[in-house]
Amino acid sequence: MILVLRALGVGDLATGVPALRALRAAYPGAELALVAPRWLAPLVDLIGVVDRQVFADGLGHLGWSGPQPAVAVNLHGRGPQSHRMLAGARPRRLLAFANADAGWHDGPPWRAEEHEVDRWCRMLGWYGIPADRTDLALRRPEAGGLPTGVTVVHPGAKAAQRRWPPERFAAVARELSGRGHRVVVTGGPGERDIAAEVARRAGLPGDAVLAGATDVGELAALVAHARLVLCGDTGVGHLATAFGTPSVLLFGPVPPGWWGPPPDRPWHEALWVGPRRAGDGPAVHPALAELDVAAVLAAVDRVTVAARSVVGRRIPAQAADPLLPAGSFRP
């Protein structure tokens, strides 16, 4: 059995997909168990290579009661706590970054300024397991009763410094609504107020606010069948990448070179004005504050043109460009 630790969030899971697929290819006959939070289970199912999920929120005592793993893989972090958590399962072999504090001297060195996808592909490569950093796609879930063809505006983020001002999100949402987009505003239960503010400022109807009304599986389905995604540096942006949904992502303070979409996919664009000195307090980061509404709308235009130019990208009939027949391919 292969035991893999990545007990983090949506974006972390999405950026770990190439490494998980590489492990499945390297150990095709072994059971692959992933240690991750219970609430991520709908997304874990969409990866298609995980046989079993072990529920854990963050680091701590694993409490592993299964068979001794042949291999344990630390896709969680640099250690030492994550190394020690996996060591509690008594694996016969550990794949991880070198960490002297954990007493682990095998593995490659950690690089702080490295794209999160490349980080784990490089680690596995050091152990002779090749990984394809472009293998980011998730299985597309059914839309169910969720709206399709909508433009998803996701104004929230865990850290205040990564939240673009709500009045700017609203200005973009208002303009896109005027262009014929059906805009919905998403977020977690704790982000309903900011979502409602964006919708109110944009002049959107009350039912456009979906923040707190969807679980992570429903949010994934909404993004998978969306026309466009606009958000900050959040897990929703990684879902857009995974489903090939055109997206405009607003970065700051962390550069897209560490967490952004693949640069060779022009229907995903990460806006970044470069490093800026951070101020004190929880206010929006200066690098993000410098992005204005005009720059974001220009990026929307670019990703829309790029998405139309990709032959074979099928979109649902409800999401079809108004200039195209319903259910057609984007030319």
C-alpha atoms as a PDB file:
ATOM      1  CA  MET A   1       0.000   0.000   0.000  1.00  0.00           C
ATOM      2  CA  ILE A   2       1.061   3.578  -0.769  1.00  0.00           C
ATOM      3  CA  LEU A   3       0.161   6.144   1.900  1.00  0.00           C
ATOM      4  CA  VAL A   4       0.231   9.789   0.756  1.00  0.00           C
ATOM      5  CA  LEU A   5      -0.089  12.825   3.032  1.00  0.00           C
ATOM      6  CA  ARG A   6      -1.598  16.086   1.734  1.00  0.00           C
ATOM      7  CA  ALA A   7      -3.949  17.250   4.475  1.00  0.00           C
ATOM      8  CA  LEU A   8      -4.500  20.753   3.139  1.00  0.00           C
ATOM      9  CA  GLY A   9      -7.040  22.664   1.008  1.00  0.00           C
ATOM     10  CA  VAL A  10      -8.563  22.788  -2.479  1.00  0.00           C
ATOM     11  CA  GLY A  11      -5.638  24.429  -4.256  1.00  0.00           C
ATOM     12  CA  ASP A  12      -3.158  22.171  -2.502  1.00  0.00           C
ATOM     13  CA  LEU A  13      -5.050  19.078  -3.605  1.00  0.00           C
ATOM     14  CA  ALA A  14      -5.310  20.343  -7.193  1.00  0.00           C
ATOM     15  CA  THR A  15      -1.602  21.136  -7.444  1.00  0.00           C
ATOM     16  CA  GLY A  16      -0.777  17.679  -6.104  1.00  0.00           C
ATOM     17  CA  VAL A  17      -2.698  15.856  -8.840  1.00  0.00           C
ATOM     18  CA  PRO A  18       0.304  15.283 -11.174  1.00  0.00           C
ATOM     19  CA  ALA A  19       2.258  13.753  -8.296  1.00  0.00           C
ATOM     20  CA  LEU A  20      -0.652  11.519  -7.299  1.00  0.00           C
ATOM     21  CA  ARG A  21      -1.056  10.323 -10.874  1.00  0.00           C
ATOM     22  CA  ALA A  22       2.696   9.656 -11.078  1.00  0.00           C
ATOM     23  CA  LEU A  23       2.499   7.520  -7.936  1.00  0.00           C
ATOM     24  CA  ARG A  24      -0.372   5.533  -9.390  1.00  0.00           C
ATOM     25  CA  ALA A  25       1.670   4.894 -12.557  1.00  0.00           C
ATOM     26  CA  ALA A  26       4.727   3.900 -10.516  1.00  0.00           C
ATOM     27  CA  TYR A  27       2.780   1.491  -8.294  1.00  0.00           C
ATOM     28  CA  PRO A  28      -0.101   0.277 -10.495  1.00  0.00           C
ATOM     29  CA  GLY A  29      -0.966  -2.751  -8.384  1.00  0.00           C
ATOM     30  CA  ALA A  30      -0.849  -1.118  -4.970  1.00  0.00           C
ATOM     31  CA  GLU A  31      -3.674   0.475  -3.027  1.00  0.00           C
ATOM     32  CA  LEU A  32      -3.186   4.251  -2.935  1.00  0.00           C
ATOM     33  CA  ALA A  33      -4.486   5.907   0.239  1.00  0.00           C
ATOM     34  CA  LEU A  34      -4.576   9.696   0.552  1.00  0.00           C
ATOM     35  CA  VAL A  35      -4.549  11.481   3.899  1.00  0.00           C
ATOM     36  CA  ALA A  36      -6.693  14.600   3.394  1.00  0.00           C
ATOM     37  CA  PRO A  37      -9.611  16.441   5.041  1.00  0.00           C
ATOM     38  CA  ARG A  38     -13.003  14.730   4.916  1.00  0.00           C
ATOM     39  CA  TRP A  39     -14.672  17.738   3.274  1.00  0.00           C
ATOM     40  CA  LEU A  40     -12.394  17.317   0.230  1.00  0.00           C
ATOM     41  CA  ALA A  41     -13.778  13.844  -0.529  1.00  0.00           C
ATOM     42  CA  PRO A  42     -15.867  14.990  -3.548  1.00  0.00           C
ATOM     43  CA  LEU A  43     -12.712  16.399  -5.173  1.00  0.00           C
ATOM     44  CA  VAL A  44     -10.574  13.397  -4.280  1.00  0.00           C
ATOM     45  CA  ASP A  45     -13.037  11.242  -6.212  1.00  0.00           C
ATOM     46  CA  LEU A  46     -12.517  13.418  -9.297  1.00  0.00           C
ATOM     47  CA  ILE A  47      -8.774  12.659  -9.416  1.00  0.00           C
ATOM     48  CA  GLY A  48      -9.503   9.056 -10.356  1.00  0.00           C
ATOM     49  CA  VAL A  49      -6.415   7.392  -8.865  1.00  0.00           C
ATOM     50  CA  VAL A  50      -7.087   7.354  -5.106  1.00  0.00           C
ATOM     51  CA  ASP A  51      -8.430   4.072  -3.746  1.00  0.00           C
ATOM     52  CA  ARG A  52      -9.028   5.171  -0.191  1.00  0.00           C
ATOM     53  CA  GLN A  53      -9.123   8.449   1.710  1.00  0.00           C
ATOM     54  CA  VAL A  54      -7.845   8.702   5.267  1.00  0.00           C
ATOM     55  CA  PHE A  55      -9.475  11.685   6.943  1.00  0.00           C
ATOM     56  CA  ALA A  56      -7.247  14.241   8.630  1.00  0.00           C
ATOM     57  CA  ASP A  57      -7.450  18.026   9.005  1.00  0.00           C
ATOM     58  CA  GLY A  58      -3.904  19.284   9.037  1.00  0.00           C
ATOM     59  CA  LEU A  59      -1.039  17.744  10.931  1.00  0.00           C
ATOM     60  CA  GLY A  60      -1.160  15.772  14.141  1.00  0.00           C
ATOM     61  CA  HIS A  61      -1.318  12.156  15.174  1.00  0.00           C
ATOM     62  CA  LEU A  62      -2.260  10.051  12.170  1.00  0.00           C
ATOM     63  CA  GLY A  63      -3.666   7.201  14.205  1.00  0.00           C
ATOM     64  CA  TRP A  64      -3.004   4.782  11.365  1.00  0.00           C
ATOM     65  CA  SER A  65      -4.532   1.355  12.020  1.00  0.00           C
ATOM     66  CA  GLY A  66      -4.168  -0.152   8.564  1.00  0.00           C
ATOM     67  CA  PRO A  67      -1.435  -2.418   7.222  1.00  0.00           C
ATOM     68  CA  GLN A  68       2.152  -1.282   7.205  1.00  0.00           C
ATOM     69  CA  PRO A  69       2.563   0.899   4.101  1.00  0.00           C
ATOM     70  CA  ALA A  70       5.164  -0.225   1.619  1.00  0.00           C
ATOM     71  CA  VAL A  71       5.764   3.445   0.814  1.00  0.00           C
ATOM     72  CA  ALA A  72       4.723   6.653   2.559  1.00  0.00           C
ATOM     73  CA  VAL A  73       4.922   9.872   0.538  1.00  0.00           C
ATOM     74  CA  ASN A  74       5.042  13.334   2.084  1.00  0.00           C
ATOM     75  CA  LEU A  75       3.276  15.685  -0.339  1.00  0.00           C
ATOM     76  CA  HIS A  76       2.291  17.928   2.555  1.00  0.00           C
ATOM     77  CA  GLY A  77       5.371  20.016   3.288  1.00  0.00           C
ATOM     78  CA  ARG A  78       9.035  20.171   4.105  1.00  0.00           C
ATOM     79  CA  GLY A  79       8.723  18.699   7.594  1.00  0.00           C
ATOM     80  CA  PRO A  80       9.612  17.956  10.305  1.00  0.00           C
ATOM     81  CA  GLN A  81       6.060  17.555  11.663  1.00  0.00           C
ATOM     82  CA  SER A  82       4.678  16.034   8.459  1.00  0.00           C
ATOM     83  CA  HIS A  83       7.617  13.606   8.293  1.00  0.00           C
ATOM     84  CA  ARG A  84       6.950  12.519  11.867  1.00  0.00           C
ATOM     85  CA  MET A  85       3.231  12.111  11.199  1.00  0.00           C
ATOM     86  CA  LEU A  86       3.940   9.661   8.395  1.00  0.00           C
ATOM     87  CA  ALA A  87       6.630   7.912  10.411  1.00  0.00           C
ATOM     88  CA  GLY A  88       3.879   6.993  12.879  1.00  0.00           C
ATOM     89  CA  ALA A  89       2.496   4.608  10.238  1.00  0.00           C
ATOM     90  CA  ARG A  90       5.875   2.768  10.230  1.00  0.00           C
ATOM     91  CA  PRO A  91       6.261   2.657   6.432  1.00  0.00           C
ATOM     92  CA  ARG A  92       8.982   0.483   4.944  1.00  0.00           C
ATOM     93  CA  ARG A  93      10.062   3.409   2.772  1.00  0.00           C
ATOM     94  CA  LEU A  94       9.550   7.181   2.971  1.00  0.00           C
ATOM     95  CA  LEU A  95       9.633   9.602   0.025  1.00  0.00           C
ATOM     96  CA  ALA A  96      10.107  13.156   1.253  1.00  0.00           C
ATOM     97  CA  PHE A  97      12.279  16.232   1.142  1.00  0.00           C
ATOM     98  CA  ALA A  98      15.441  16.095   3.212  1.00  0.00           C
ATOM     99  CA  ASN A  99      14.948  17.550   6.679  1.00  0.00           C
ATOM    100  CA  ALA A 100      17.638  17.357   9.334  1.00  0.00           C
ATOM    101  CA  ASP A 101      15.212  18.340  12.123  1.00  0.00           C
ATOM    102  CA  ALA A 102      13.173  15.236  11.318  1.00  0.00           C
ATOM    103  CA  GLY A 103      16.314  13.101  11.167  1.00  0.00           C
ATOM    104  CA  TRP A 104      15.642  12.546   7.474  1.00  0.00           C
ATOM    105  CA  HIS A 105      18.670  13.107   5.236  1.00  0.00           C
ATOM    106  CA  ASP A 106      17.391  11.359   2.106  1.00  0.00           C
ATOM    107  CA  GLY A 107      15.492  13.239  -0.576  1.00  0.00           C
ATOM    108  CA  PRO A 108      16.125  16.470  -2.469  1.00  0.00           C
ATOM    109  CA  PRO A 109      16.540  19.880  -0.833  1.00  0.00           C
ATOM    110  CA  TRP A 110      13.519  22.130  -0.379  1.00  0.00           C
ATOM    111  CA  ARG A 111      13.303  25.230  -2.600  1.00  0.00           C
ATOM    112  CA  ALA A 112      11.127  28.002  -1.226  1.00  0.00           C
ATOM    113  CA  GLU A 113      10.656  29.837  -4.532  1.00  0.00           C
ATOM    114  CA  GLU A 114       9.304  27.014  -6.664  1.00  0.00           C
ATOM    115  CA  HIS A 115       5.947  26.428  -8.294  1.00  0.00           C
ATOM    116  CA  GLU A 116       3.853  24.163  -6.096  1.00  0.00           C
ATOM    117  CA  VAL A 117       3.219  21.693  -8.937  1.00  0.00           C
ATOM    118  CA  ASP A 118       6.901  21.497  -9.831  1.00  0.00           C
ATOM    119  CA  ARG A 119       7.899  21.055  -6.195  1.00  0.00           C
ATOM    120  CA  TRP A 120       6.257  17.650  -5.864  1.00  0.00           C
ATOM    121  CA  CYS A 121       7.093  16.516  -9.374  1.00  0.00           C
ATOM    122  CA  ARG A 122      10.748  17.290  -8.647  1.00  0.00           C
ATOM    123  CA  MET A 123      10.660  15.410  -5.366  1.00  0.00           C
ATOM    124  CA  LEU A 124       9.259  12.280  -7.001  1.00  0.00           C
ATOM    125  CA  GLY A 125      11.725  12.632  -9.872  1.00  0.00           C
ATOM    126  CA  TRP A 126      14.569  12.562  -7.354  1.00  0.00           C
ATOM    127  CA  TYR A 127      13.318   9.091  -6.340  1.00  0.00           C
ATOM    128  CA  GLY A 128      13.086   7.943  -9.960  1.00  0.00           C
ATOM    129  CA  ILE A 129       9.347   8.501 -10.402  1.00  0.00           C
ATOM    130  CA  PRO A 130       8.622  10.710 -13.438  1.00  0.00           C
ATOM    131  CA  ALA A 131       5.655  13.073 -13.176  1.00  0.00           C
ATOM    132  CA  ASP A 132       3.930  15.184 -15.818  1.00  0.00           C
ATOM    133  CA  ARG A 133       3.381  18.675 -14.411  1.00  0.00           C
ATOM    134  CA  THR A 134       0.699  19.340 -17.055  1.00  0.00           C
ATOM    135  CA  ASP A 135      -1.468  16.434 -15.867  1.00  0.00           C
ATOM    136  CA  LEU A 136      -3.796  18.701 -13.874  1.00  0.00           C
ATOM    137  CA  ALA A 137      -7.234  17.791 -15.231  1.00  0.00           C
ATOM    138  CA  LEU A 138      -9.965  16.523 -12.953  1.00  0.00           C
ATOM    139  CA  ARG A 139     -12.909  14.435 -14.102  1.00  0.00           C
ATOM    140  CA  ARG A 140     -15.765  16.772 -14.950  1.00  0.00           C
ATOM    141  CA  PRO A 141     -18.675  16.251 -12.533  1.00  0.00           C
ATOM    142  CA  GLU A 142     -22.298  16.372 -13.597  1.00  0.00           C
ATOM    143  CA  ALA A 143     -23.940  19.765 -13.206  1.00  0.00           C
ATOM    144  CA  GLY A 144     -26.953  18.305 -11.458  1.00  0.00           C
ATOM    145  CA  GLY A 145     -29.382  21.090 -10.620  1.00  0.00           C
ATOM    146  CA  LEU A 146     -26.711  23.794 -10.615  1.00  0.00           C
ATOM    147  CA  PRO A 147     -26.750  26.592 -13.191  1.00  0.00           C
ATOM    148  CA  THR A 148     -24.427  26.152 -16.161  1.00  0.00           C
ATOM    149  CA  GLY A 149     -22.809  28.699 -18.411  1.00  0.00           C
ATOM    150  CA  VAL A 150     -22.493  31.232 -15.596  1.00  0.00           C
ATOM    151  CA  THR A 151     -19.631  33.577 -14.852  1.00  0.00           C
ATOM    152  CA  VAL A 152     -18.302  32.771 -11.383  1.00  0.00           C
ATOM    153  CA  VAL A 153     -17.030  35.706  -9.334  1.00  0.00           C
ATOM    154  CA  HIS A 154     -15.306  34.528  -6.162  1.00  0.00           C
ATOM    155  CA  PRO A 155     -14.207  37.560  -4.102  1.00  0.00           C
ATOM    156  CA  GLY A 156     -13.092  35.805  -0.932  1.00  0.00           C
ATOM    157  CA  ALA A 157      -9.744  34.403   0.189  1.00  0.00           C
ATOM    158  CA  LYS A 158      -8.385  33.018   3.442  1.00  0.00           C
ATOM    159  CA  ALA A 159      -6.002  35.928   3.981  1.00  0.00           C
ATOM    160  CA  ALA A 160      -7.210  39.536   3.813  1.00  0.00           C
ATOM    161  CA  GLN A 161      -4.097  40.524   1.858  1.00  0.00           C
ATOM    162  CA  ARG A 162      -5.226  38.245  -0.999  1.00  0.00           C
ATOM    163  CA  ARG A 163      -8.698  39.825  -1.324  1.00  0.00           C
ATOM    164  CA  TRP A 164      -9.167  42.301  -4.156  1.00  0.00           C
ATOM    165  CA  PRO A 165     -11.496  45.094  -2.983  1.00  0.00           C
ATOM    166  CA  PRO A 166     -15.185  44.106  -3.240  1.00  0.00           C
ATOM    167  CA  GLU A 167     -16.091  47.334  -5.023  1.00  0.00           C
ATOM    168  CA  ARG A 168     -13.707  46.384  -7.848  1.00  0.00           C
ATOM    169  CA  PHE A 169     -15.114  42.867  -8.099  1.00  0.00           C
ATOM    170  CA  ALA A 170     -18.540  44.512  -8.248  1.00  0.00           C
ATOM    171  CA  ALA A 171     -17.485  46.889 -11.018  1.00  0.00           C
ATOM    172  CA  VAL A 172     -16.255  43.980 -13.137  1.00  0.00           C
ATOM    173  CA  ALA A 173     -19.370  41.940 -12.349  1.00  0.00           C
ATOM    174  CA  ARG A 174     -21.610  44.872 -13.320  1.00  0.00           C
ATOM    175  CA  GLU A 175     -19.825  45.287 -16.656  1.00  0.00           C
ATOM    176  CA  LEU A 176     -19.930  41.575 -17.457  1.00  0.00           C
ATOM    177  CA  SER A 177     -23.598  41.413 -16.534  1.00  0.00           C
ATOM    178  CA  GLY A 178     -24.209  44.274 -18.953  1.00  0.00           C
ATOM    179  CA  ARG A 179     -22.449  42.265 -21.652  1.00  0.00           C
ATOM    180  CA  GLY A 180     -24.883  39.393 -21.189  1.00  0.00           C
ATOM    181  CA  HIS A 181     -23.030  37.247 -18.646  1.00  0.00           C
ATOM    182  CA  ARG A 182     -25.099  35.539 -15.969  1.00  0.00           C
ATOM    183  CA  VAL A 183     -22.932  36.327 -12.954  1.00  0.00           C
ATOM    184  CA  VAL A 184     -23.005  34.364  -9.696  1.00  0.00           C
ATOM    185  CA  VAL A 185     -20.969  35.204  -6.604  1.00  0.00           C
ATOM    186  CA  THR A 186     -19.503  32.276  -4.680  1.00  0.00           C
ATOM    187  CA  GLY A 187     -17.678  31.785  -1.410  1.00  0.00           C
ATOM    188  CA  GLY A 188     -17.636  29.828   1.804  1.00  0.00           C
ATOM    189  CA  PRO A 189     -20.141  30.219   4.656  1.00  0.00           C
ATOM    190  CA  GLY A 190     -17.963  32.903   6.238  1.00  0.00           C
ATOM    191  CA  GLU A 191     -17.809  34.891   2.982  1.00  0.00           C
ATOM    192  CA  ARG A 192     -21.525  35.407   2.435  1.00  0.00           C
ATOM    193  CA  ASP A 193     -21.386  39.047   3.568  1.00  0.00           C
ATOM    194  CA  ILE A 194     -18.659  40.000   1.093  1.00  0.00           C
ATOM    195  CA  ALA A 195     -20.446  38.075  -1.667  1.00  0.00           C
ATOM    196  CA  ALA A 196     -23.699  39.887  -0.889  1.00  0.00           C
ATOM    197  CA  GLU A 197     -21.878  43.225  -0.963  1.00  0.00           C
ATOM    198  CA  VAL A 198     -20.391  42.452  -4.379  1.00  0.00           C
ATOM    199  CA  ALA A 199     -23.794  41.409  -5.727  1.00  0.00           C
ATOM    200  CA  ARG A 200     -25.503  44.499  -4.298  1.00  0.00           C
ATOM    201  CA  ARG A 201     -22.919  46.900  -5.712  1.00  0.00           C
ATOM    202  CA  ALA A 202     -23.088  45.125  -9.086  1.00  0.00           C
ATOM    203  CA  GLY A 203     -26.869  45.298  -9.224  1.00  0.00           C
ATOM    204  CA  LEU A 204     -27.234  41.511  -9.338  1.00  0.00           C
ATOM    205  CA  PRO A 205     -30.377  39.690  -8.168  1.00  0.00           C
ATOM    206  CA  GLY A 206     -30.437  38.084  -4.735  1.00  0.00           C
ATOM    207  CA  ASP A 207     -30.281  34.569  -6.139  1.00  0.00           C
ATOM    208  CA  ALA A 208     -26.902  35.383  -7.708  1.00  0.00           C
ATOM    209  CA  VAL A 209     -25.302  35.000  -4.264  1.00  0.00           C
ATOM    210  CA  LEU A 210     -24.284  31.347  -3.884  1.00  0.00           C
ATOM    211  CA  ALA A 211     -21.706  31.887  -1.136  1.00  0.00           C
ATOM    212  CA  GLY A 212     -22.352  29.440   1.676  1.00  0.00           C
ATOM    213  CA  ALA A 213     -24.962  27.588  -0.376  1.00  0.00           C
ATOM    214  CA  THR A 214     -22.672  25.035  -2.039  1.00  0.00           C
ATOM    215  CA  ASP A 215     -20.335  22.396  -0.692  1.00  0.00           C
ATOM    216  CA  VAL A 216     -16.974  21.839  -2.338  1.00  0.00           C
ATOM    217  CA  GLY A 217     -18.355  19.236  -4.736  1.00  0.00           C
ATOM    218  CA  GLU A 218     -21.126  21.563  -5.898  1.00  0.00           C
ATOM    219  CA  LEU A 219     -18.672  24.429  -6.228  1.00  0.00           C
ATOM    220  CA  ALA A 220     -16.471  22.223  -8.403  1.00  0.00           C
ATOM    221  CA  ALA A 221     -19.441  21.335 -10.618  1.00  0.00           C
ATOM    222  CA  LEU A 222     -20.359  25.008 -10.905  1.00  0.00           C
ATOM    223  CA  VAL A 223     -16.812  25.887 -12.025  1.00  0.00           C
ATOM    224  CA  ALA A 224     -16.611  22.878 -14.355  1.00  0.00           C
ATOM    225  CA  HIS A 225     -19.660  24.054 -16.289  1.00  0.00           C
ATOM    226  CA  ALA A 226     -18.991  27.788 -16.058  1.00  0.00           C
ATOM    227  CA  ARG A 227     -18.372  30.279 -18.822  1.00  0.00           C
ATOM    228  CA  LEU A 228     -15.687  32.187 -16.912  1.00  0.00           C
ATOM    229  CA  VAL A 229     -14.099  32.327 -13.455  1.00  0.00           C
ATOM    230  CA  LEU A 230     -12.823  35.507 -11.815  1.00  0.00           C
ATOM    231  CA  CYS A 231     -11.098  35.174  -8.448  1.00  0.00           C
ATOM    232  CA  GLY A 232      -7.964  35.804  -6.463  1.00  0.00           C
ATOM    233  CA  ASP A 233      -5.211  33.354  -5.623  1.00  0.00           C
ATOM    234  CA  THR A 234      -7.583  30.719  -4.269  1.00  0.00           C
ATOM    235  CA  GLY A 235      -8.558  27.091  -4.731  1.00  0.00           C
ATOM    236  CA  VAL A 236     -11.350  28.118  -7.106  1.00  0.00           C
ATOM    237  CA  GLY A 237      -8.709  29.280  -9.589  1.00  0.00           C
ATOM    238  CA  HIS A 238      -7.098  25.845  -9.464  1.00  0.00           C
ATOM    239  CA  LEU A 239     -10.471  24.243 -10.139  1.00  0.00           C
ATOM    240  CA  ALA A 240     -10.826  26.420 -13.240  1.00  0.00           C
ATOM    241  CA  THR A 241      -7.451  25.163 -14.434  1.00  0.00           C
ATOM    242  CA  ALA A 242      -8.418  21.558 -13.694  1.00  0.00           C
ATOM    243  CA  PHE A 243     -11.631  21.817 -15.739  1.00  0.00           C
ATOM    244  CA  GLY A 244     -10.300  24.041 -18.534  1.00  0.00           C
ATOM    245  CA  THR A 245     -12.742  26.817 -17.664  1.00  0.00           C
ATOM    246  CA  PRO A 246     -11.461  30.228 -18.844  1.00  0.00           C
ATOM    247  CA  SER A 247     -10.233  32.200 -15.850  1.00  0.00           C
ATOM    248  CA  VAL A 248      -8.739  35.495 -14.753  1.00  0.00           C
ATOM    249  CA  LEU A 249      -6.829  35.193 -11.485  1.00  0.00           C
ATOM    250  CA  LEU A 250      -5.634  38.145  -9.401  1.00  0.00           C
ATOM    251  CA  PHE A 251      -2.330  37.547  -7.632  1.00  0.00           C
ATOM    252  CA  GLY A 252      -0.697  39.247  -4.682  1.00  0.00           C
ATOM    253  CA  PRO A 253       1.340  38.968  -2.542  1.00  0.00           C
ATOM    254  CA  VAL A 254       2.420  35.521  -3.805  1.00  0.00           C
ATOM    255  CA  PRO A 255       3.469  35.554  -7.487  1.00  0.00           C
ATOM    256  CA  PRO A 256       1.816  33.266 -10.044  1.00  0.00           C
ATOM    257  CA  GLY A 257       5.228  31.718 -10.633  1.00  0.00           C
ATOM    258  CA  TRP A 258       4.621  29.835  -7.373  1.00  0.00           C
ATOM    259  CA  TRP A 259       0.889  29.033  -7.568  1.00  0.00           C
ATOM    260  CA  GLY A 260      -0.445  30.208 -10.934  1.00  0.00           C
ATOM    261  CA  PRO A 261      -1.922  28.289 -13.878  1.00  0.00           C
ATOM    262  CA  PRO A 262       0.323  26.804 -16.579  1.00  0.00           C
ATOM    263  CA  PRO A 263       1.722  29.669 -18.684  1.00  0.00           C
ATOM    264  CA  ASP A 264       1.075  27.825 -21.955  1.00  0.00           C
ATOM    265  CA  ARG A 265      -2.735  27.929 -21.526  1.00  0.00           C
ATOM    266  CA  PRO A 266      -3.834  31.418 -22.620  1.00  0.00           C
ATOM    267  CA  TRP A 267      -7.453  30.847 -21.589  1.00  0.00           C
ATOM    268  CA  HIS A 268      -6.168  31.093 -17.983  1.00  0.00           C
ATOM    269  CA  GLU A 269      -4.519  34.407 -17.166  1.00  0.00           C
ATOM    270  CA  ALA A 270      -2.889  35.371 -13.872  1.00  0.00           C
ATOM    271  CA  LEU A 271      -2.555  39.121 -13.321  1.00  0.00           C
ATOM    272  CA  TRP A 272       0.483  40.202 -11.344  1.00  0.00           C
ATOM    273  CA  VAL A 273       2.118  43.622 -11.131  1.00  0.00           C
ATOM    274  CA  GLY A 274       5.330  42.367  -9.571  1.00  0.00           C
ATOM    275  CA  PRO A 275       6.683  42.447  -6.026  1.00  0.00           C
ATOM    276  CA  ARG A 276       5.553  45.281  -3.802  1.00  0.00           C
ATOM    277  CA  ARG A 277       6.473  46.105  -0.234  1.00  0.00           C
ATOM    278  CA  ALA A 278       3.769  44.901   2.126  1.00  0.00           C
ATOM    279  CA  GLY A 279       2.384  47.293   4.699  1.00  0.00           C
ATOM    280  CA  ASP A 280       1.349  46.589   8.252  1.00  0.00           C
ATOM    281  CA  GLY A 281      -1.964  45.032   9.139  1.00  0.00           C
ATOM    282  CA  PRO A 282      -4.460  42.878   7.264  1.00  0.00           C
ATOM    283  CA  ALA A 283      -5.196  45.303   4.399  1.00  0.00           C
ATOM    284  CA  VAL A 284      -5.090  44.162   0.782  1.00  0.00           C
ATOM    285  CA  HIS A 285      -1.526  43.671  -0.429  1.00  0.00           C
ATOM    286  CA  PRO A 286      -0.113  46.581  -2.496  1.00  0.00           C
ATOM    287  CA  ALA A 287       0.632  44.296  -5.465  1.00  0.00           C
ATOM    288  CA  LEU A 288      -3.032  43.315  -5.593  1.00  0.00           C
ATOM    289  CA  ALA A 289      -4.285  46.831  -4.908  1.00  0.00           C
ATOM    290  CA  GLU A 290      -2.515  48.090  -8.037  1.00  0.00           C
ATOM    291  CA  LEU A 291      -4.687  45.914 -10.287  1.00  0.00           C
ATOM    292  CA  ASP A 292      -7.521  48.067 -11.570  1.00  0.00           C
ATOM    293  CA  VAL A 293     -10.871  47.236 -13.141  1.00  0.00           C
ATOM    294  CA  ALA A 294      -9.740  48.107 -16.668  1.00  0.00           C
ATOM    295  CA  ALA A 295      -6.818  45.673 -16.482  1.00  0.00           C
ATOM    296  CA  VAL A 296      -9.100  42.873 -15.314  1.00  0.00           C
ATOM    297  CA  LEU A 297     -11.672  43.498 -18.037  1.00  0.00           C
ATOM    298  CA  ALA A 298      -8.899  43.513 -20.643  1.00  0.00           C
ATOM    299  CA  ALA A 299      -7.744  40.133 -19.326  1.00  0.00           C
ATOM    300  CA  VAL A 300     -11.317  38.828 -19.572  1.00  0.00           C
ATOM    301  CA  ASP A 301     -11.335  39.814 -23.226  1.00  0.00           C
ATOM    302  CA  ARG A 302      -8.020  38.053 -23.852  1.00  0.00           C
ATOM    303  CA  VAL A 303      -8.977  34.760 -22.213  1.00  0.00           C
ATOM    304  CA  THR A 304     -12.326  34.800 -24.013  1.00  0.00           C
ATOM    305  CA  VAL A 305     -10.602  35.125 -27.393  1.00  0.00           C
ATOM    306  CA  ALA A 306      -8.058  32.459 -26.427  1.00  0.00           C
ATOM    307  CA  ALA A 307     -10.785  30.026 -25.345  1.00  0.00           C
ATOM    308  CA  ARG A 308     -12.619  30.457 -28.640  1.00  0.00           C
ATOM    309  CA  SER A 309      -9.452  29.698 -30.573  1.00  0.00           C
ATOM    310  CA  VAL A 310      -8.857  26.271 -29.009  1.00  0.00           C
ATOM    311  CA  VAL A 311     -10.303  23.637 -31.320  1.00  0.00           C
ATOM    312  CA  GLY A 312     -12.246  20.876 -29.614  1.00  0.00           C
ATOM    313  CA  ARG A 313     -13.010  22.594 -26.324  1.00  0.00           C
ATOM    314  CA  ARG A 314     -16.649  21.621 -25.886  1.00  0.00           C
ATOM    315  CA  ILE A 315     -18.830  23.719 -23.628  1.00  0.00           C
ATOM    316  CA  PRO A 316     -22.355  22.947 -22.470  1.00  0.00           C
ATOM    317  CA  ALA A 317     -25.242  24.288 -24.530  1.00  0.00           C
ATOM    318  CA  GLN A 318     -26.251  26.675 -21.755  1.00  0.00           C
ATOM    319  CA  ALA A 319     -22.707  28.041 -21.651  1.00  0.00           C
ATOM    320  CA  ALA A 320     -22.373  28.556 -25.383  1.00  0.00           C
ATOM    321  CA  ASP A 321     -21.208  31.881 -26.672  1.00  0.00           C
ATOM    322  CA  PRO A 322     -24.267  33.828 -27.883  1.00  0.00           C
ATOM    323  CA  LEU A 323     -22.636  34.101 -31.292  1.00  0.00           C
ATOM    324  CA  LEU A 324     -22.368  30.300 -31.624  1.00  0.00           C
ATOM    325  CA  PRO A 325     -25.036  27.622 -32.044  1.00  0.00           C
ATOM    326  CA  ALA A 326     -25.910  25.927 -28.761  1.00  0.00           C
ATOM    327  CA  GLY A 327     -23.795  22.869 -28.035  1.00  0.00           C
ATOM    328  CA  SER A 328     -21.257  23.698 -30.729  1.00  0.00           C
ATOM    329  CA  PHE A 329     -17.486  23.590 -30.476  1.00  0.00           C
ATOM    330  CA  ARG A 330     -15.729  26.868 -29.877  1.00  0.00           C
ATOM    331  CA  PRO A 331     -13.929  27.554 -33.140  1.00  0.00           C
END
